[in-house]
């Protein structure tokens, strides 16, 4: 590693097991953050995929959840703005 090279996959697996450390805990990928879906999008897409819900039921839940989410985000933004002014 001093030469700028990392261990091969087998060596890394052995070192990880020996040290009881997960190498993923020490890495981050900027592209991972750039393409991370919004929580609301994840939730609504899950509702649409739920086989127990009709398309109409999923759409109704999506409307209610979006309205509630947007209202709570607005409230949180207003509270943060008020706090900064103090």
PDB file of N, CA and C in Angstrom:
ATOM      1  N   UNK A   1       0.822  -1.182   0.000  1.00  0.00           N
ATOM      2  CA  UNK A   1       0.000   0.000   0.000  1.00  0.00           C
ATOM      3  C   UNK A   1       0.868   1.248   0.000  1.00  0.00           C
ATOM      4  N   UNK A   2       2.059   1.160   0.513  1.00  0.00           N
ATOM      5  CA  UNK A   2       2.961   2.299   0.512  1.00  0.00           C
ATOM      6  C   UNK A   2       3.334   2.706  -0.903  1.00  0.00           C
ATOM      7  N   UNK A   3       3.190   1.807  -1.838  1.00  0.00           N
ATOM      8  CA  UNK A   3       3.515   2.096  -3.235  1.00  0.00           C
ATOM      9  C   UNK A   3       2.309   2.633  -3.999  1.00  0.00           C
ATOM     10  N   UNK A   4       1.244   2.926  -3.303  1.00  0.00           N
ATOM     11  CA  UNK A   4       0.060   3.459  -3.949  1.00  0.00           C
ATOM     12  C   UNK A   4      -0.875   2.394  -4.483  1.00  0.00           C
ATOM     13  N   UNK A   5      -0.599   1.161  -4.168  1.00  0.00           N
ATOM     14  CA  UNK A   5      -1.456   0.066  -4.619  1.00  0.00           C
ATOM     15  C   UNK A   5      -2.223  -0.484  -3.424  1.00  0.00           C
ATOM     16  N   UNK A   6      -3.403  -1.009  -3.668  1.00  0.00           N
ATOM     17  CA  UNK A   6      -4.195  -1.614  -2.614  1.00  0.00           C
ATOM     18  C   UNK A   6      -4.063  -3.121  -2.667  1.00  0.00           C
ATOM     19  N   UNK A   7      -4.540  -3.813  -1.651  1.00  0.00           N
ATOM     20  CA  UNK A   7      -4.490  -5.272  -1.656  1.00  0.00           C
ATOM     21  C   UNK A   7      -5.468  -5.845  -2.680  1.00  0.00           C
ATOM     22  N   UNK A   8      -5.162  -7.041  -3.153  1.00  0.00           N
ATOM     23  CA  UNK A   8      -6.107  -7.687  -4.066  1.00  0.00           C
ATOM     24  C   UNK A   8      -7.336  -8.118  -3.260  1.00  0.00           C
ATOM     25  N   UNK A   9      -8.368  -8.548  -3.954  1.00  0.00           N
ATOM     26  CA  UNK A   9      -9.640  -8.867  -3.296  1.00  0.00           C
ATOM     27  C   UNK A   9      -9.485  -9.935  -2.221  1.00  0.00           C
ATOM     28  N   UNK A  10      -8.724 -10.962  -2.496  1.00  0.00           N
ATOM     29  CA  UNK A  10      -8.549 -12.044  -1.517  1.00  0.00           C
ATOM     30  C   UNK A  10      -7.829 -11.538  -0.271  1.00  0.00           C
ATOM     31  N   UNK A  11      -6.779 -10.754  -0.465  1.00  0.00           N
ATOM     32  CA  UNK A  11      -6.039 -10.209   0.678  1.00  0.00           C
ATOM     33  C   UNK A  11      -6.906  -9.253   1.485  1.00  0.00           C
ATOM     34  N   UNK A  12      -7.686  -8.446   0.781  1.00  0.00           N
ATOM     35  CA  UNK A  12      -8.574  -7.518   1.476  1.00  0.00           C
ATOM     36  C   UNK A  12      -9.611  -8.274   2.306  1.00  0.00           C
ATOM     37  N   UNK A  13     -10.147  -9.355   1.766  1.00  0.00           N
ATOM     38  CA  UNK A  13     -11.124 -10.156   2.504  1.00  0.00           C
ATOM     39  C   UNK A  13     -10.500 -10.752   3.758  1.00  0.00           C
ATOM     40  N   UNK A  14      -9.291 -11.250   3.643  1.00  0.00           N
ATOM     41  CA  UNK A  14      -8.595 -11.837   4.797  1.00  0.00           C
ATOM     42  C   UNK A  14      -8.313 -10.770   5.850  1.00  0.00           C
ATOM     43  N   UNK A  15      -7.799  -9.617   5.400  1.00  0.00           N
ATOM     44  CA  UNK A  15      -7.509  -8.532   6.341  1.00  0.00           C
ATOM     45  C   UNK A  15      -8.788  -8.034   7.033  1.00  0.00           C
ATOM     46  N   UNK A  16      -9.870  -7.936   6.273  1.00  0.00           N
ATOM     47  CA  UNK A  16     -11.145  -7.482   6.836  1.00  0.00           C
ATOM     48  C   UNK A  16     -11.666  -8.453   7.880  1.00  0.00           C
ATOM     49  N   UNK A  17     -11.597  -9.734   7.570  1.00  0.00           N
ATOM     50  CA  UNK A  17     -12.061 -10.749   8.514  1.00  0.00           C
ATOM     51  C   UNK A  17     -11.195 -10.736   9.773  1.00  0.00           C
ATOM     52  N   UNK A  18      -9.890 -10.636   9.588  1.00  0.00           N
ATOM     53  CA  UNK A  18      -8.967 -10.638  10.730  1.00  0.00           C
ATOM     54  C   UNK A  18      -9.205  -9.428  11.633  1.00  0.00           C
ATOM     55  N   UNK A  19      -9.413  -8.246  11.020  1.00  0.00           N
ATOM     56  CA  UNK A  19      -9.558  -7.025  11.803  1.00  0.00           C
ATOM     57  C   UNK A  19     -11.000  -6.761  12.249  1.00  0.00           C
ATOM     58  N   UNK A  20     -11.925  -7.576  11.721  1.00  0.00           N
ATOM     59  CA  UNK A  20     -13.349  -7.404  11.997  1.00  0.00           C
ATOM     60  C   UNK A  20     -13.835  -6.008  11.608  1.00  0.00           C
ATOM     61  N   UNK A  21     -13.283  -5.492  10.511  1.00  0.00           N
ATOM     62  CA  UNK A  21     -13.679  -4.195   9.975  1.00  0.00           C
ATOM     63  C   UNK A  21     -14.267  -4.373   8.592  1.00  0.00           C
ATOM     64  N   UNK A  22     -15.263  -3.576   8.276  1.00  0.00           N
ATOM     65  CA  UNK A  22     -15.870  -3.599   6.957  1.00  0.00           C
ATOM     66  C   UNK A  22     -15.243  -2.481   6.125  1.00  0.00           C
ATOM     67  N   UNK A  23     -14.549  -2.791   5.041  1.00  0.00           N
ATOM     68  CA  UNK A  23     -13.905  -1.751   4.231  1.00  0.00           C
ATOM     69  C   UNK A  23     -14.897  -0.709   3.707  1.00  0.00           C
ATOM     70  N   UNK A  24     -16.137  -1.098   3.510  1.00  0.00           N
ATOM     71  CA  UNK A  24     -17.145  -0.160   3.009  1.00  0.00           C
ATOM     72  C   UNK A  24     -17.395   0.978   3.999  1.00  0.00           C
ATOM     73  N   UNK A  25     -17.105   0.738   5.283  1.00  0.00           N
ATOM     74  CA  UNK A  25     -17.288   1.788   6.279  1.00  0.00           C
ATOM     75  C   UNK A  25     -16.286   2.928   6.108  1.00  0.00           C
ATOM     76  N   UNK A  26     -15.240   2.701   5.321  1.00  0.00           N
ATOM     77  CA  UNK A  26     -14.178   3.687   5.172  1.00  0.00           C
ATOM     78  C   UNK A  26     -14.134   4.293   3.776  1.00  0.00           C
ATOM     79  N   UNK A  27     -15.128   4.014   2.982  1.00  0.00           N
ATOM     80  CA  UNK A  27     -15.162   4.557   1.630  1.00  0.00           C
ATOM     81  C   UNK A  27     -16.463   5.312   1.403  1.00  0.00           C
ATOM     82  N   UNK A  28     -16.393   6.251   0.513  1.00  0.00           N
ATOM     83  CA  UNK A  28     -17.602   6.937   0.074  1.00  0.00           C
ATOM     84  C   UNK A  28     -17.429   7.272  -1.393  1.00  0.00           C
ATOM     85  N   UNK A  29     -18.500   7.218  -2.088  1.00  0.00           N
ATOM     86  CA  UNK A  29     -18.469   7.482  -3.510  1.00  0.00           C
ATOM     87  C   UNK A  29     -19.361   8.683  -3.800  1.00  0.00           C
ATOM     88  N   UNK A  30     -18.790   9.769  -4.327  1.00  0.00           N
ATOM     89  CA  UNK A  30     -19.598  10.962  -4.593  1.00  0.00           C
ATOM     90  C   UNK A  30     -20.789  10.684  -5.510  1.00  0.00           C
ATOM     91  N   UNK A  31     -20.620   9.781  -6.456  1.00  0.00           N
ATOM     92  CA  UNK A  31     -21.721   9.488  -7.367  1.00  0.00           C
ATOM     93  C   UNK A  31     -22.869   8.816  -6.641  1.00  0.00           C
ATOM     94  N   UNK A  32     -22.559   8.121  -5.567  1.00  0.00           N
ATOM     95  CA  UNK A  32     -23.599   7.462  -4.775  1.00  0.00           C
ATOM     96  C   UNK A  32     -24.547   8.508  -4.191  1.00  0.00           C
ATOM     97  N   UNK A  33     -23.989   9.596  -3.691  1.00  0.00           N
ATOM     98  CA  UNK A  33     -24.812  10.660  -3.130  1.00  0.00           C
ATOM     99  C   UNK A  33     -25.551  11.417  -4.221  1.00  0.00           C
ATOM    100  N   UNK A  34     -24.925  11.585  -5.361  1.00  0.00           N
ATOM    101  CA  UNK A  34     -25.526  12.366  -6.437  1.00  0.00           C
ATOM    102  C   UNK A  34     -26.782  11.705  -6.992  1.00  0.00           C
ATOM    103  N   UNK A  35     -26.820  10.379  -6.970  1.00  0.00           N
ATOM    104  CA  UNK A  35     -27.943   9.673  -7.560  1.00  0.00           C
ATOM    105  C   UNK A  35     -28.885   9.066  -6.527  1.00  0.00           C
ATOM    106  N   UNK A  36     -28.706   9.415  -5.276  1.00  0.00           N
ATOM    107  CA  UNK A  36     -29.572   8.881  -4.224  1.00  0.00           C
ATOM    108  C   UNK A  36     -30.980   9.444  -4.390  1.00  0.00           C
ATOM    109  N   UNK A  37     -31.950   8.574  -4.363  1.00  0.00           N
ATOM    110  CA  UNK A  37     -33.337   8.997  -4.556  1.00  0.00           C
ATOM    111  C   UNK A  37     -33.845   9.736  -3.328  1.00  0.00           C
ATOM    112  N   UNK A  38     -34.754  10.632  -3.547  1.00  0.00           N
ATOM    113  CA  UNK A  38     -35.398  11.355  -2.464  1.00  0.00           C
ATOM    114  C   UNK A  38     -36.283  10.401  -1.667  1.00  0.00           C
ATOM    115  N   UNK A  39     -36.406  10.610  -0.361  1.00  0.00           N
ATOM    116  CA  UNK A  39     -37.241   9.725   0.465  1.00  0.00           C
ATOM    117  C   UNK A  39     -38.685   9.641  -0.022  1.00  0.00           C
ATOM    118  N   UNK A  40     -39.241  10.769  -0.440  1.00  0.00           N
ATOM    119  CA  UNK A  40     -40.624  10.768  -0.909  1.00  0.00           C
ATOM    120  C   UNK A  40     -40.767   9.925  -2.176  1.00  0.00           C
ATOM    121  N   UNK A  41     -39.800  10.002  -3.065  1.00  0.00           N
ATOM    122  CA  UNK A  41     -39.842   9.207  -4.297  1.00  0.00           C
ATOM    123  C   UNK A  41     -39.747   7.714  -3.985  1.00  0.00           C
ATOM    124  N   UNK A  42     -38.905   7.361  -3.032  1.00  0.00           N
ATOM    125  CA  UNK A  42     -38.779   5.951  -2.640  1.00  0.00           C
ATOM    126  C   UNK A  42     -40.092   5.435  -2.056  1.00  0.00           C
ATOM    127  N   UNK A  43     -40.694   6.244  -1.220  1.00  0.00           N
ATOM    128  CA  UNK A  43     -41.943   5.838  -0.575  1.00  0.00           C
ATOM    129  C   UNK A  43     -43.068   5.669  -1.593  1.00  0.00           C
ATOM    130  N   UNK A  44     -43.238   6.656  -2.456  1.00  0.00           N
ATOM    131  CA  UNK A  44     -44.342   6.575  -3.409  1.00  0.00           C
ATOM    132  C   UNK A  44     -44.137   5.456  -4.430  1.00  0.00           C
ATOM    133  N   UNK A  45     -42.892   5.209  -4.824  1.00  0.00           N
ATOM    134  CA  UNK A  45     -42.669   4.098  -5.760  1.00  0.00           C
ATOM    135  C   UNK A  45     -42.945   2.757  -5.080  1.00  0.00           C
ATOM    136  N   UNK A  46     -42.679   2.674  -3.782  1.00  0.00           N
ATOM    137  CA  UNK A  46     -42.997   1.449  -3.038  1.00  0.00           C
ATOM    138  C   UNK A  46     -44.502   1.229  -2.975  1.00  0.00           C
ATOM    139  N   UNK A  47     -45.238   2.299  -2.783  1.00  0.00           N
ATOM    140  CA  UNK A  47     -46.700   2.178  -2.755  1.00  0.00           C
ATOM    141  C   UNK A  47     -47.232   1.676  -4.097  1.00  0.00           C
ATOM    142  N   UNK A  48     -46.675   2.211  -5.187  1.00  0.00           N
ATOM    143  CA  UNK A  48     -47.148   1.801  -6.513  1.00  0.00           C
ATOM    144  C   UNK A  48     -46.824   0.340  -6.814  1.00  0.00           C
ATOM    145  N   UNK A  49     -45.769  -0.174  -6.213  1.00  0.00           N
ATOM    146  CA  UNK A  49     -45.372  -1.577  -6.449  1.00  0.00           C
ATOM    147  C   UNK A  49     -46.084  -2.561  -5.529  1.00  0.00           C
ATOM    148  N   UNK A  50     -46.739  -2.075  -4.508  1.00  0.00           N
ATOM    149  CA  UNK A  50     -47.387  -2.950  -3.532  1.00  0.00           C
ATOM    150  C   UNK A  50     -48.564  -3.680  -4.193  1.00  0.00           C
ATOM    151  N   UNK A  51     -48.479  -4.999  -4.280  1.00  0.00           N
ATOM    152  CA  UNK A  51     -49.545  -5.756  -4.946  1.00  0.00           C
ATOM    153  C   UNK A  51     -50.864  -5.749  -4.173  1.00  0.00           C
ATOM    154  N   UNK A  52     -50.819  -5.371  -2.896  1.00  0.00           N
ATOM    155  CA  UNK A  52     -52.039  -5.344  -2.087  1.00  0.00           C
ATOM    156  C   UNK A  52     -52.873  -4.092  -2.329  1.00  0.00           C
ATOM    157  N   UNK A  53     -52.292  -3.100  -3.013  1.00  0.00           N
ATOM    158  CA  UNK A  53     -53.001  -1.850  -3.276  1.00  0.00           C
ATOM    159  C   UNK A  53     -53.408  -1.768  -4.741  1.00  0.00           C
ATOM    160  N   UNK A  54     -54.618  -1.322  -4.970  1.00  0.00           N
ATOM    161  CA  UNK A  54     -55.041  -1.061  -6.344  1.00  0.00           C
ATOM    162  C   UNK A  54     -54.315   0.204  -6.808  1.00  0.00           C
ATOM    163  N   UNK A  55     -54.196   0.412  -8.102  1.00  0.00           N
ATOM    164  CA  UNK A  55     -53.561   1.653  -8.580  1.00  0.00           C
ATOM    165  C   UNK A  55     -54.239   2.905  -8.021  1.00  0.00           C
ATOM    166  N   UNK A  56     -55.558   2.869  -7.910  1.00  0.00           N
ATOM    167  CA  UNK A  56     -56.290   4.017  -7.372  1.00  0.00           C
ATOM    168  C   UNK A  56     -55.961   4.229  -5.889  1.00  0.00           C
ATOM    169  N   UNK A  57     -55.888   3.159  -5.130  1.00  0.00           N
ATOM    170  CA  UNK A  57     -55.550   3.269  -3.705  1.00  0.00           C
ATOM    171  C   UNK A  57     -54.140   3.810  -3.521  1.00  0.00           C
ATOM    172  N   UNK A  58     -53.214   3.305  -4.315  1.00  0.00           N
ATOM    173  CA  UNK A  58     -51.828   3.785  -4.240  1.00  0.00           C
ATOM    174  C   UNK A  58     -51.766   5.272  -4.579  1.00  0.00           C
ATOM    175  N   UNK A  59     -52.511   5.697  -5.596  1.00  0.00           N
ATOM    176  CA  UNK A  59     -52.524   7.109  -5.991  1.00  0.00           C
ATOM    177  C   UNK A  59     -53.115   7.980  -4.889  1.00  0.00           C
ATOM    178  N   UNK A  60     -54.157   7.482  -4.231  1.00  0.00           N
ATOM    179  CA  UNK A  60     -54.778   8.230  -3.129  1.00  0.00           C
ATOM    180  C   UNK A  60     -53.796   8.391  -1.978  1.00  0.00           C
ATOM    181  N   UNK A  61     -53.144   7.313  -1.589  1.00  0.00           N
ATOM    182  CA  UNK A  61     -52.139   7.387  -0.525  1.00  0.00           C
ATOM    183  C   UNK A  61     -50.994   8.326  -0.912  1.00  0.00           C
ATOM    184  N   UNK A  62     -50.574   8.243  -2.158  1.00  0.00           N
ATOM    185  CA  UNK A  62     -49.490   9.094  -2.640  1.00  0.00           C
ATOM    186  C   UNK A  62     -49.862  10.572  -2.514  1.00  0.00           C
ATOM    187  N   UNK A  63     -51.095  10.920  -2.871  1.00  0.00           N
ATOM    188  CA  UNK A  63     -51.552  12.306  -2.772  1.00  0.00           C
ATOM    189  C   UNK A  63     -51.544  12.789  -1.327  1.00  0.00           C
ATOM    190  N   UNK A  64     -52.065  11.970  -0.427  1.00  0.00           N
ATOM    191  CA  UNK A  64     -52.114  12.334   0.990  1.00  0.00           C
ATOM    192  C   UNK A  64     -50.702  12.471   1.562  1.00  0.00           C
ATOM    193  N   UNK A  65     -49.844  11.525   1.250  1.00  0.00           N
ATOM    194  CA  UNK A  65     -48.479  11.542   1.791  1.00  0.00           C
ATOM    195  C   UNK A  65     -47.696  12.727   1.245  1.00  0.00           C
ATOM    196  N   UNK A  66     -47.820  13.006  -0.061  1.00  0.00           N
ATOM    197  CA  UNK A  66     -47.104  14.146  -0.648  1.00  0.00           C
ATOM    198  C   UNK A  66     -47.546  15.460  -0.010  1.00  0.00           C
ATOM    199  N   UNK A  67     -48.857  15.634   0.155  1.00  0.00           N
ATOM    200  CA  UNK A  67     -49.363  16.872   0.758  1.00  0.00           C
ATOM    201  C   UNK A  67     -48.855  17.028   2.188  1.00  0.00           C
ATOM    202  N   UNK A  68     -48.900  15.957   2.953  1.00  0.00           N
ATOM    203  CA  UNK A  68     -48.434  15.996   4.338  1.00  0.00           C
ATOM    204  C   UNK A  68     -46.930  16.263   4.394  1.00  0.00           C
ATOM    205  N   UNK A  69     -46.183  15.583   3.568  1.00  0.00           N
ATOM    206  CA  UNK A  69     -44.728  15.748   3.520  1.00  0.00           C
ATOM    207  C   UNK A  69     -44.359  17.192   3.184  1.00  0.00           C
ATOM    208  N   UNK A  70     -44.988  17.731   2.141  1.00  0.00           N
ATOM    209  CA  UNK A  70     -44.673  19.103   1.738  1.00  0.00           C
ATOM    210  C   UNK A  70     -45.020  20.102   2.827  1.00  0.00           C
ATOM    211  N   UNK A  71     -46.124  19.882   3.519  1.00  0.00           N
ATOM    212  CA  UNK A  71     -46.517  20.781   4.607  1.00  0.00           C
ATOM    213  C   UNK A  71     -45.515  20.711   5.760  1.00  0.00           C
ATOM    214  N   UNK A  72     -45.074  19.530   6.092  1.00  0.00           N
ATOM    215  CA  UNK A  72     -44.113  19.380   7.185  1.00  0.00           C
ATOM    216  C   UNK A  72     -42.745  19.940   6.814  1.00  0.00           C
ATOM    217  N   UNK A  73     -42.349  19.790   5.571  1.00  0.00           N
ATOM    218  CA  UNK A  73     -41.076  20.364   5.125  1.00  0.00           C
ATOM    219  C   UNK A  73     -41.152  21.885   5.204  1.00  0.00           C
ATOM    220  N   UNK A  74     -42.279  22.472   4.766  1.00  0.00           N
ATOM    221  CA  UNK A  74     -42.463  23.918   4.858  1.00  0.00           C
ATOM    222  C   UNK A  74     -42.386  24.383   6.305  1.00  0.00           C
ATOM    223  N   UNK A  75     -43.035  23.648   7.207  1.00  0.00           N
ATOM    224  CA  UNK A  75     -43.015  24.004   8.631  1.00  0.00           C
ATOM    225  C   UNK A  75     -41.598  23.948   9.179  1.00  0.00           C
ATOM    226  N   UNK A  76     -40.863  22.938   8.782  1.00  0.00           N
ATOM    227  CA  UNK A  76     -39.492  22.781   9.246  1.00  0.00           C
ATOM    228  C   UNK A  76     -38.611  23.907   8.704  1.00  0.00           C
ATOM    229  N   UNK A  77     -38.798  24.268   7.425  1.00  0.00           N
ATOM    230  CA  UNK A  77     -38.029  25.362   6.830  1.00  0.00           C
ATOM    231  C   UNK A  77     -38.342  26.691   7.519  1.00  0.00           C
ATOM    232  N   UNK A  78     -39.620  26.920   7.822  1.00  0.00           N
ATOM    233  CA  UNK A  78     -40.014  28.155   8.509  1.00  0.00           C
ATOM    234  C   UNK A  78     -39.409  28.209   9.909  1.00  0.00           C
ATOM    235  N   UNK A  79     -39.404  27.106  10.605  1.00  0.00           N
ATOM    236  CA  UNK A  79     -38.833  27.053  11.954  1.00  0.00           C
ATOM    237  C   UNK A  79     -37.328  27.307  11.897  1.00  0.00           C
ATOM    238  N   UNK A  80     -36.655  26.754  10.913  1.00  0.00           N
ATOM    239  CA  UNK A  80     -35.215  26.956  10.778  1.00  0.00           C
ATOM    240  C   UNK A  80     -34.901  28.419  10.463  1.00  0.00           C
ATOM    241  N   UNK A  81     -35.719  29.030   9.623  1.00  0.00           N
ATOM    242  CA  UNK A  81     -35.528  30.449   9.274  1.00  0.00           C
ATOM    243  C   UNK A  81     -35.748  31.331  10.492  1.00  0.00           C
ATOM    244  N   UNK A  82     -36.768  31.040  11.263  1.00  0.00           N
ATOM    245  CA  UNK A  82     -37.059  31.810  12.465  1.00  0.00           C
ATOM    246  C   UNK A  82     -35.925  31.671  13.479  1.00  0.00           C
ATOM    247  N   UNK A  83     -35.396  30.483  13.623  1.00  0.00           N
ATOM    248  CA  UNK A  83     -34.310  30.228  14.567  1.00  0.00           C
ATOM    249  C   UNK A  83     -33.049  30.999  14.155  1.00  0.00           C
ATOM    250  N   UNK A  84     -32.771  31.051  12.857  1.00  0.00           N
ATOM    251  CA  UNK A  84     -31.576  31.768  12.373  1.00  0.00           C
ATOM    252  C   UNK A  84     -31.688  33.265  12.627  1.00  0.00           C
ATOM    253  N   UNK A  85     -32.904  33.816  12.579  1.00  0.00           N
ATOM    254  CA  UNK A  85     -33.093  35.241  12.802  1.00  0.00           C
ATOM    255  C   UNK A  85     -32.860  35.625  14.250  1.00  0.00           C
ATOM    256  N   UNK A  86     -33.083  34.679  15.155  1.00  0.00           N
ATOM    257  CA  UNK A  86     -32.912  34.960  16.580  1.00  0.00           C
ATOM    258  C   UNK A  86     -31.459  34.989  16.871  1.00  0.00           C
TER     259      UNK A  86
END
